[in-house]
Amino acid sequence: MNTALNLGVERTMTANTPAQRARLASDYLLLYVAPPVLAALLKQAIMPGDGEPDDKLKNLLGEMLNFWMGLVVGLREFGNMSRIVTGQPSLDYSGPTGLRAVPDVQKAAEQAVQGDFDTAFRKAFVNVAGDLFGIPSAQINRSVTGAQALSEGKTENPAALLFGYQEKR
């Protein structure tokens, strides 16, 4: 993917005449538009069932965003965000341990798109804050969950503030 980016940059830097700039447009089309379009069309041809035209357009846009994000190191790890933005179900990617923020940001984005400011929303955004600022997000989530359980009368155990609260199933 990085080779495609380097080719585009190299072509852009050497396009000095009008003829070279016209050729640059066709190079961009072949480097950056044709591969994701062909991938989306191939997936739609292979997948069983009929999709709505809007779904096919969302899939195409998702493929293009994912491809373009994949051109840049570091940004490619957030490629799954393109699925969330286009309304497709996201893939569970947890990535390497050092990049824990990637799936946490994706979960926070999913919760934000849902629009419900519920427990899952709070936990997702506390986890992102923990990744970014080094705060103990797991303990904060446990304490808040325990405090809610105490205030709602689900438990009378004050240890819930330290260890959290889990409803019986």
Protein backbone atom coordinates (compact mmCIF):
# COMPACT_ATOMS: atom_id res chain seq x y z
CA MET A 1 0.00 0.00 0.00
CA ASN A 2 2.82 2.37 0.83
CA THR A 3 4.28 1.68 -2.63
CA ALA A 4 1.09 3.00 -4.23
CA LEU A 5 1.37 6.17 -2.16
CA ASN A 6 5.04 6.56 -3.11
CA LEU A 7 4.23 6.08 -6.81
CA GLY A 8 1.55 8.75 -6.64
CA VAL A 9 3.86 11.19 -4.87
CA GLU A 10 6.66 10.53 -7.34
CA ARG A 11 4.34 11.02 -10.31
CA THR A 12 2.98 14.23 -8.77
CA MET A 13 6.46 15.66 -8.21
CA THR A 14 7.56 14.99 -11.81
CA ALA A 15 4.41 16.24 -13.58
CA ASN A 16 5.53 19.59 -14.96
CA THR A 17 3.90 19.92 -18.39
CA PRO A 18 0.18 19.91 -19.20
CA ALA A 19 0.55 16.53 -20.93
CA GLN A 20 2.23 15.08 -17.84
CA ARG A 21 -0.52 16.45 -15.62
CA ALA A 22 -3.16 14.83 -17.84
CA ARG A 23 -1.27 11.56 -17.53
CA LEU A 24 -1.17 12.14 -13.76
CA ALA A 25 -4.97 12.10 -13.64
CA SER A 26 -5.06 8.67 -15.30
CA ASP A 27 -2.31 7.46 -12.94
CA TYR A 28 -4.36 8.59 -9.95
CA LEU A 29 -7.39 6.77 -11.34
CA LEU A 30 -5.43 3.54 -11.77
CA LEU A 31 -3.58 3.83 -8.44
CA TYR A 32 -6.27 5.10 -6.10
CA VAL A 33 -9.73 4.53 -7.57
CA ALA A 34 -9.68 1.34 -9.65
CA PRO A 35 -8.38 -1.08 -6.96
CA PRO A 36 -11.03 -0.33 -4.30
CA VAL A 37 -13.80 -0.17 -6.91
CA LEU A 38 -12.79 -3.54 -8.35
CA ALA A 39 -12.50 -5.04 -4.85
CA ALA A 40 -15.99 -3.80 -3.94
CA LEU A 41 -17.48 -5.11 -7.18
CA LEU A 42 -15.80 -8.48 -6.70
CA LYS A 43 -17.10 -8.77 -3.13
CA GLN A 44 -20.61 -7.85 -4.26
CA ALA A 45 -20.46 -10.46 -7.03
CA ILE A 46 -19.29 -13.20 -4.65
CA MET A 47 -21.56 -12.44 -1.66
CA PRO A 48 -24.91 -14.25 -1.82
CA GLY A 49 -28.16 -12.34 -1.78
CA ASP A 50 -29.42 -9.13 -3.26
CA GLY A 51 -28.47 -5.87 -1.64
CA GLU A 52 -30.18 -2.55 -1.82
CA PRO A 53 -28.53 0.00 -4.13
CA ASP A 54 -27.82 2.18 -1.10
CA ASP A 55 -26.01 -0.72 0.58
CA LYS A 56 -23.88 -1.28 -2.51
CA LEU A 57 -22.93 2.39 -2.57
CA LYS A 58 -22.05 2.30 1.15
CA ASN A 59 -19.90 -0.78 0.53
CA LEU A 60 -18.13 0.98 -2.33
CA LEU A 61 -17.50 4.09 -0.23
CA GLY A 62 -16.29 1.95 2.66
CA GLU A 63 -13.85 0.10 0.40
CA MET A 64 -12.52 3.34 -1.01
CA LEU A 65 -12.04 4.94 2.42
CA ASN A 66 -10.39 1.80 3.75
CA PHE A 67 -8.05 1.67 0.74
CA TRP A 68 -7.08 5.33 1.03
CA MET A 69 -6.48 5.06 4.77
CA GLY A 70 -4.36 1.96 4.10
CA LEU A 71 -1.90 4.04 2.11
CA VAL A 72 -0.49 5.70 5.23
CA VAL A 73 1.34 3.85 8.00
CA GLY A 74 -0.44 4.45 11.30
CA LEU A 75 -3.65 5.54 9.60
CA ARG A 76 -4.21 2.06 8.18
CA GLU A 77 -4.81 0.71 11.67
CA PHE A 78 -7.93 2.88 11.79
CA GLY A 79 -9.20 1.52 8.45
CA ASN A 80 -12.10 -0.19 10.19
CA MET A 81 -13.44 3.28 11.00
CA SER A 82 -14.41 3.55 7.33
CA ARG A 83 -16.89 0.72 7.89
CA ILE A 84 -18.37 2.51 10.89
CA VAL A 85 -18.66 5.83 9.04
CA THR A 86 -20.45 4.20 6.11
CA GLY A 87 -22.86 2.30 8.38
CA GLN A 88 -21.40 -1.16 7.88
CA PRO A 89 -20.80 -3.60 10.73
CA SER A 90 -17.29 -3.17 12.04
CA LEU A 91 -14.75 -5.94 12.26
CA ASP A 92 -13.25 -6.88 15.61
CA TYR A 93 -9.63 -5.80 15.27
CA SER A 94 -7.69 -5.50 18.46
CA GLY A 95 -4.28 -4.96 16.88
CA PRO A 96 -0.96 -5.23 18.67
CA THR A 97 -0.85 -4.60 22.41
CA GLY A 98 0.91 -1.28 21.98
CA LEU A 99 -1.98 -0.02 19.87
CA ARG A 100 -4.80 -0.75 22.34
CA ALA A 101 -6.25 2.66 21.58
CA VAL A 102 -7.27 1.51 18.08
CA PRO A 103 -10.08 -0.87 19.09
CA ASP A 104 -11.04 1.41 21.97
CA VAL A 105 -11.49 4.35 19.58
CA GLN A 106 -13.51 2.10 17.26
CA LYS A 107 -15.81 1.03 20.10
CA ALA A 108 -16.23 4.66 21.15
CA ALA A 109 -17.10 5.60 17.57
CA GLU A 110 -19.69 2.81 17.40
CA GLN A 111 -21.25 4.01 20.64
CA ALA A 112 -21.26 7.63 19.46
CA VAL A 113 -22.98 6.66 16.20
CA GLN A 114 -25.70 4.84 18.19
CA GLY A 115 -26.47 8.07 20.01
CA ASP A 116 -27.40 6.41 23.31
CA PHE A 117 -25.48 7.79 26.28
CA ASP A 118 -25.62 4.52 28.19
CA THR A 119 -23.18 2.41 30.18
CA ALA A 120 -21.45 1.06 27.07
CA PHE A 121 -20.93 4.65 25.83
CA ARG A 122 -19.41 5.70 29.14
CA LYS A 123 -17.12 2.69 29.34
CA ALA A 124 -15.90 3.15 25.77
CA PHE A 125 -15.03 6.81 26.26
CA VAL A 126 -13.40 6.23 29.65
CA ASN A 127 -11.26 3.54 28.01
CA VAL A 128 -10.18 5.98 25.29
CA ALA A 129 -9.33 8.58 27.93
CA GLY A 130 -7.30 5.93 29.75
CA ASP A 131 -5.38 5.11 26.58
CA LEU A 132 -4.68 8.76 25.81
CA PHE A 133 -3.96 10.16 29.27
CA GLY A 134 -2.82 7.12 31.25
CA ILE A 135 -5.67 7.25 33.75
CA PRO A 136 -6.82 3.95 35.32
CA SER A 137 -9.85 3.46 33.09
CA ALA A 138 -10.67 -0.07 34.27
CA GLN A 139 -10.87 1.07 37.89
CA ILE A 140 -12.90 4.16 36.99
CA ASN A 141 -15.39 2.00 35.09
CA ARG A 142 -15.65 -0.46 37.99
CA SER A 143 -16.15 2.32 40.53
CA VAL A 144 -18.82 4.09 38.48
CA THR A 145 -20.65 0.81 37.85
CA GLY A 146 -20.48 0.01 41.57
CA ALA A 147 -21.70 3.49 42.54
CA GLN A 148 -24.65 3.16 40.15
CA ALA A 149 -25.53 -0.25 41.63
CA LEU A 150 -25.37 1.21 45.15
CA SER A 151 -27.52 4.21 44.29
CA GLU A 152 -30.11 2.08 42.48
CA GLY A 153 -30.32 -0.36 45.40
CA LYS A 154 -29.00 -3.34 43.43
CA THR A 155 -26.42 -3.96 46.15
CA GLU A 156 -25.65 -2.79 49.64
CA ASN A 157 -22.03 -3.92 49.58
CA PRO A 158 -19.68 -0.89 49.68
CA ALA A 159 -16.95 -3.03 48.09
CA ALA A 160 -18.80 -2.47 44.83
CA LEU A 161 -17.02 0.90 44.66
CA LEU A 162 -13.69 -0.91 44.40
CA PHE A 163 -14.62 -4.07 42.54
CA GLY A 164 -17.60 -2.98 40.50
CA TYR A 165 -20.92 -4.70 40.22
CA GLN A 166 -22.06 -7.44 37.90
CA GLU A 167 -25.69 -8.45 37.60
CA LYS A 168 -26.56 -12.11 37.96
CA ARG A 169 -27.54 -13.83 34.77
